[in-house]
């Protein structure tokens, strides 16, 4: 199986560390500079850096940069049995699929489906944002209900499989480092907005609202530990 782009980048940086091009305690070049020198996109580089952080080779310090760890003291972790997709690819796919499912849910959902979606968003809004396990469970339920209401089991299964990627090592590495009450409160508000548009059967508005929700997650990913990167939305492309 061909290696993913971020894996190839991670291997190159690992070789550079092993060759002492970057020594313990060194700060790696700025993301823009490093991406240019490697001839890769900054999003692929960001995913590679997450893989190296998970492997215990570097440390990403929020807004301070990326630093090489002392290798004989680093906590070496084995990678997963199957190589996960990078978080940016997951979010890009979610924006496409979840947006379309939300649009179709507006057109196809039964009255009972809509009631369940609205009730789910209200339950999330009323939840204790400090109860992370329950909040995440309610978050997932909301997306499952939309996927089911859209009436396409293939797209629905893909949507939930993508949502569940957040349990993987690369996603968890950055997501845990960006958790906050503010983020959860904003997420609950966004879910409520999506539900409101679905209840009103405003398909285009609902899709745009879901896309904004995914864009918020993408901003969190791109802002982790380094300078922000402009998101490529449909309007910006």
Protein backbone atom coordinates (compact mmCIF):
# COMPACT_ATOMS: atom_id res chain seq x y z
CA UNK A 1 0.00 0.00 0.00
CA UNK A 2 1.36 3.42 -0.94
CA UNK A 3 2.32 5.62 1.95
CA UNK A 4 0.36 8.77 2.60
CA UNK A 5 2.01 12.11 1.91
CA UNK A 6 2.26 13.04 5.57
CA UNK A 7 4.00 9.73 6.32
CA UNK A 8 6.67 10.40 3.70
CA UNK A 9 7.24 13.86 5.16
CA UNK A 10 7.46 12.44 8.68
CA UNK A 11 10.03 9.88 7.55
CA UNK A 12 12.15 12.60 5.92
CA UNK A 13 12.09 14.71 9.08
CA UNK A 14 12.92 11.64 11.17
CA UNK A 15 15.96 11.02 8.98
CA UNK A 16 16.99 14.65 9.42
CA UNK A 17 16.74 14.26 13.21
CA UNK A 18 18.70 10.99 13.14
CA UNK A 19 21.37 12.66 11.03
CA UNK A 20 21.61 15.45 13.65
CA UNK A 21 20.45 18.09 11.21
CA UNK A 22 18.05 18.96 13.98
CA UNK A 23 19.32 18.26 17.49
CA UNK A 24 17.53 17.82 20.80
CA UNK A 25 16.14 21.15 21.94
CA UNK A 26 16.31 22.70 18.47
CA UNK A 27 13.30 24.57 17.21
CA UNK A 28 12.34 23.46 13.72
CA UNK A 29 12.15 26.17 11.05
CA UNK A 30 8.89 28.07 10.77
CA UNK A 31 6.15 26.05 9.15
CA UNK A 32 6.04 28.09 5.97
CA UNK A 33 9.81 27.85 5.55
CA UNK A 34 9.93 24.13 6.31
CA UNK A 35 7.09 23.35 3.89
CA UNK A 36 8.83 25.31 1.13
CA UNK A 37 12.15 23.54 1.71
CA UNK A 38 10.46 20.13 1.54
CA UNK A 39 8.27 21.07 -1.41
CA UNK A 40 5.03 20.13 0.36
CA UNK A 41 1.83 21.84 1.43
CA UNK A 42 1.60 23.24 4.93
CA UNK A 43 -1.44 21.09 5.69
CA UNK A 44 0.46 17.90 4.82
CA UNK A 45 3.40 19.14 6.89
CA UNK A 46 1.08 19.80 9.83
CA UNK A 47 -0.18 16.21 9.65
CA UNK A 48 3.41 14.93 9.51
CA UNK A 49 4.32 16.94 12.59
CA UNK A 50 1.36 15.42 14.44
CA UNK A 51 2.60 11.95 13.51
CA UNK A 52 6.09 12.80 14.81
CA UNK A 53 4.65 14.23 18.03
CA UNK A 54 2.63 11.07 18.55
CA UNK A 55 5.80 9.04 17.94
CA UNK A 56 7.59 11.02 20.65
CA UNK A 57 10.17 12.62 18.34
CA UNK A 58 9.08 16.24 18.65
CA UNK A 59 6.96 18.46 20.86
CA UNK A 60 4.52 21.00 19.46
CA UNK A 61 4.28 23.92 21.87
CA UNK A 62 1.22 26.06 21.37
CA UNK A 63 2.16 29.27 19.57
CA UNK A 64 5.84 28.68 20.40
CA UNK A 65 6.85 26.31 17.63
CA UNK A 66 8.03 22.74 17.18
CA UNK A 67 10.98 21.39 19.18
CA UNK A 68 13.05 18.23 18.83
CA UNK A 69 12.97 15.97 21.87
CA UNK A 70 15.95 14.22 23.40
CA UNK A 71 15.62 10.89 21.64
CA UNK A 72 17.02 8.67 24.38
CA UNK A 73 14.45 10.17 26.75
CA UNK A 74 11.55 10.40 24.34
CA UNK A 75 8.51 8.26 24.94
CA UNK A 76 8.39 6.13 21.82
CA UNK A 77 4.92 5.04 20.79
CA UNK A 78 4.03 2.51 18.17
CA UNK A 79 1.80 3.63 15.39
CA UNK A 80 -1.62 2.08 14.78
CA UNK A 81 -1.90 -1.21 12.90
CA UNK A 82 -3.52 0.61 10.00
CA UNK A 83 -2.29 4.05 9.00
CA UNK A 84 -4.99 6.66 9.69
CA UNK A 85 -5.77 9.48 7.29
CA UNK A 86 -4.52 12.90 8.28
CA UNK A 87 -6.94 15.18 10.18
CA UNK A 88 -7.07 17.77 7.42
CA UNK A 89 -8.16 15.17 4.88
CA UNK A 90 -10.81 13.93 7.30
CA UNK A 91 -12.17 17.42 7.84
CA UNK A 92 -12.12 18.19 4.12
CA UNK A 93 -14.13 15.03 3.46
CA UNK A 94 -16.52 15.78 6.31
CA UNK A 95 -17.20 19.25 4.93
CA UNK A 96 -18.26 17.73 1.62
CA UNK A 97 -20.22 14.76 2.92
CA UNK A 98 -21.82 16.25 6.04
CA UNK A 99 -22.80 19.36 4.14
CA UNK A 100 -24.55 17.29 1.49
CA UNK A 101 -26.21 15.02 4.06
CA UNK A 102 -27.55 18.07 5.90
CA UNK A 103 -28.95 19.43 2.63
CA UNK A 104 -30.64 16.12 1.84
CA UNK A 105 -31.97 15.77 5.40
CA UNK A 106 -33.89 19.01 4.89
CA UNK A 107 -35.54 17.56 1.81
CA UNK A 108 -36.13 13.99 2.95
CA UNK A 109 -36.41 13.88 6.74
CA UNK A 110 -39.72 12.83 8.21
CA UNK A 111 -41.43 14.89 10.87
CA UNK A 112 -40.18 12.37 13.43
CA UNK A 113 -36.62 12.67 12.08
CA UNK A 114 -36.68 16.45 12.39
CA UNK A 115 -38.08 16.27 15.91
CA UNK A 116 -35.27 13.91 16.92
CA UNK A 117 -32.61 16.22 15.43
CA UNK A 118 -34.02 19.28 17.17
CA UNK A 119 -34.32 17.39 20.48
CA UNK A 120 -30.73 16.20 20.12
CA UNK A 121 -29.44 19.74 19.60
CA UNK A 122 -31.38 20.96 22.63
CA UNK A 123 -29.98 18.15 24.75
CA UNK A 124 -26.47 19.10 23.66
CA UNK A 125 -27.10 22.78 24.45
CA UNK A 126 -28.33 21.86 27.93
CA UNK A 127 -25.48 19.44 28.62
CA UNK A 128 -22.70 20.09 31.10
CA UNK A 129 -19.79 21.08 28.85
CA UNK A 130 -17.35 19.83 31.48
CA UNK A 131 -18.72 16.30 31.16
CA UNK A 132 -16.56 15.52 28.13
CA UNK A 133 -17.67 11.93 27.65
CA UNK A 134 -21.37 12.78 27.59
CA UNK A 135 -20.84 15.90 25.47
CA UNK A 136 -18.96 13.91 22.83
CA UNK A 137 -21.61 11.18 22.86
CA UNK A 138 -24.38 13.74 22.29
CA UNK A 139 -22.33 15.42 19.58
CA UNK A 140 -21.98 12.12 17.73
CA UNK A 141 -25.69 11.31 18.13
CA UNK A 142 -26.63 14.61 16.48
CA UNK A 143 -24.54 13.81 13.40
CA UNK A 144 -25.83 10.24 13.27
CA UNK A 145 -29.43 11.47 13.25
CA UNK A 146 -28.74 13.83 10.34
CA UNK A 147 -26.93 11.07 8.43
CA UNK A 148 -29.85 8.70 8.90
CA UNK A 149 -32.45 11.34 7.99
CA UNK A 150 -30.70 12.10 4.69
CA UNK A 151 -31.83 8.78 3.26
CA UNK A 152 -28.53 7.58 1.77
CA UNK A 153 -26.97 4.75 3.75
CA UNK A 154 -23.67 4.84 1.85
CA UNK A 155 -23.04 8.53 2.54
CA UNK A 156 -24.37 8.07 6.06
CA UNK A 157 -21.91 5.29 6.84
CA UNK A 158 -19.08 7.35 5.41
CA UNK A 159 -20.05 10.33 7.55
CA UNK A 160 -20.06 8.35 10.80
CA UNK A 161 -16.81 6.59 9.90
CA UNK A 162 -15.21 10.00 9.38
CA UNK A 163 -16.62 11.32 12.66
CA UNK A 164 -15.16 8.31 14.46
CA UNK A 165 -11.69 9.17 13.14
CA UNK A 166 -11.46 11.54 16.09
CA UNK A 167 -10.70 8.47 18.20
CA UNK A 168 -7.47 7.95 16.24
CA UNK A 169 -3.99 8.97 17.43
CA UNK A 170 -3.34 11.85 15.04
CA UNK A 171 -6.71 13.49 15.64
CA UNK A 172 -6.44 13.03 19.40
CA UNK A 173 -2.94 14.55 19.46
CA UNK A 174 -4.12 17.99 18.30
CA UNK A 175 -7.71 17.82 19.51
CA UNK A 176 -6.77 17.22 23.14
CA UNK A 177 -4.40 20.18 22.96
CA UNK A 178 -7.14 22.55 21.79
CA UNK A 179 -9.99 21.53 24.08
CA UNK A 180 -11.76 24.35 25.92
CA UNK A 181 -15.16 25.18 27.38
CA UNK A 182 -15.43 27.99 24.86
CA UNK A 183 -15.00 25.57 21.97
CA UNK A 184 -17.66 23.24 23.32
CA UNK A 185 -20.12 26.08 23.91
CA UNK A 186 -19.54 27.33 20.37
CA UNK A 187 -20.03 23.82 19.03
CA UNK A 188 -23.37 23.52 20.85
CA UNK A 189 -24.51 26.85 19.37
CA UNK A 190 -23.53 25.70 15.90
CA UNK A 191 -25.46 22.45 16.30
CA UNK A 192 -28.51 24.45 17.40
CA UNK A 193 -28.24 26.65 14.31
CA UNK A 194 -28.00 23.63 12.02
CA UNK A 195 -31.06 22.08 13.68
CA UNK A 196 -33.03 25.31 13.29
CA UNK A 197 -32.40 25.40 9.54
CA UNK A 198 -33.28 21.71 9.19
CA UNK A 199 -36.54 22.26 11.09
CA UNK A 200 -37.35 25.14 8.72
CA UNK A 201 -36.47 22.95 5.72
CA UNK A 202 -34.00 25.59 4.54
CA UNK A 203 -31.67 23.20 2.75
CA UNK A 204 -29.05 25.61 1.41
CA UNK A 205 -28.80 27.49 4.70
CA UNK A 206 -28.52 24.24 6.62
CA UNK A 207 -25.71 22.99 4.40
CA UNK A 208 -23.82 26.29 4.76
CA UNK A 209 -24.25 26.12 8.53
CA UNK A 210 -22.81 22.60 8.64
CA UNK A 211 -19.89 23.68 6.48
CA UNK A 212 -19.18 26.56 8.88
CA UNK A 213 -19.23 24.08 11.74
CA UNK A 214 -16.58 21.94 10.02
CA UNK A 215 -14.59 25.08 9.16
CA UNK A 216 -14.41 25.85 12.87
CA UNK A 217 -12.80 22.47 13.51
CA UNK A 218 -10.42 23.03 10.60
CA UNK A 219 -9.36 26.37 12.10
CA UNK A 220 -8.59 24.58 15.36
CA UNK A 221 -6.45 22.04 13.54
CA UNK A 222 -4.57 24.61 11.48
CA UNK A 223 -4.00 26.84 14.51
CA UNK A 224 -2.48 24.12 16.70
CA UNK A 225 1.01 25.07 17.80
CA UNK A 226 1.90 27.28 14.88
CA UNK A 227 0.89 30.24 12.77
CA UNK A 228 -2.61 29.97 11.25
CA UNK A 229 -3.15 28.85 7.67
CA UNK A 230 -5.91 30.25 5.47
CA UNK A 231 -8.70 27.73 4.96
CA UNK A 232 -9.54 26.94 1.35
CA UNK A 233 -13.30 27.21 1.21
CA UNK A 234 -15.31 27.12 -1.99
CA UNK A 235 -15.43 30.92 -2.02
CA UNK A 236 -11.65 31.24 -1.58
CA UNK A 237 -10.62 28.71 -4.23
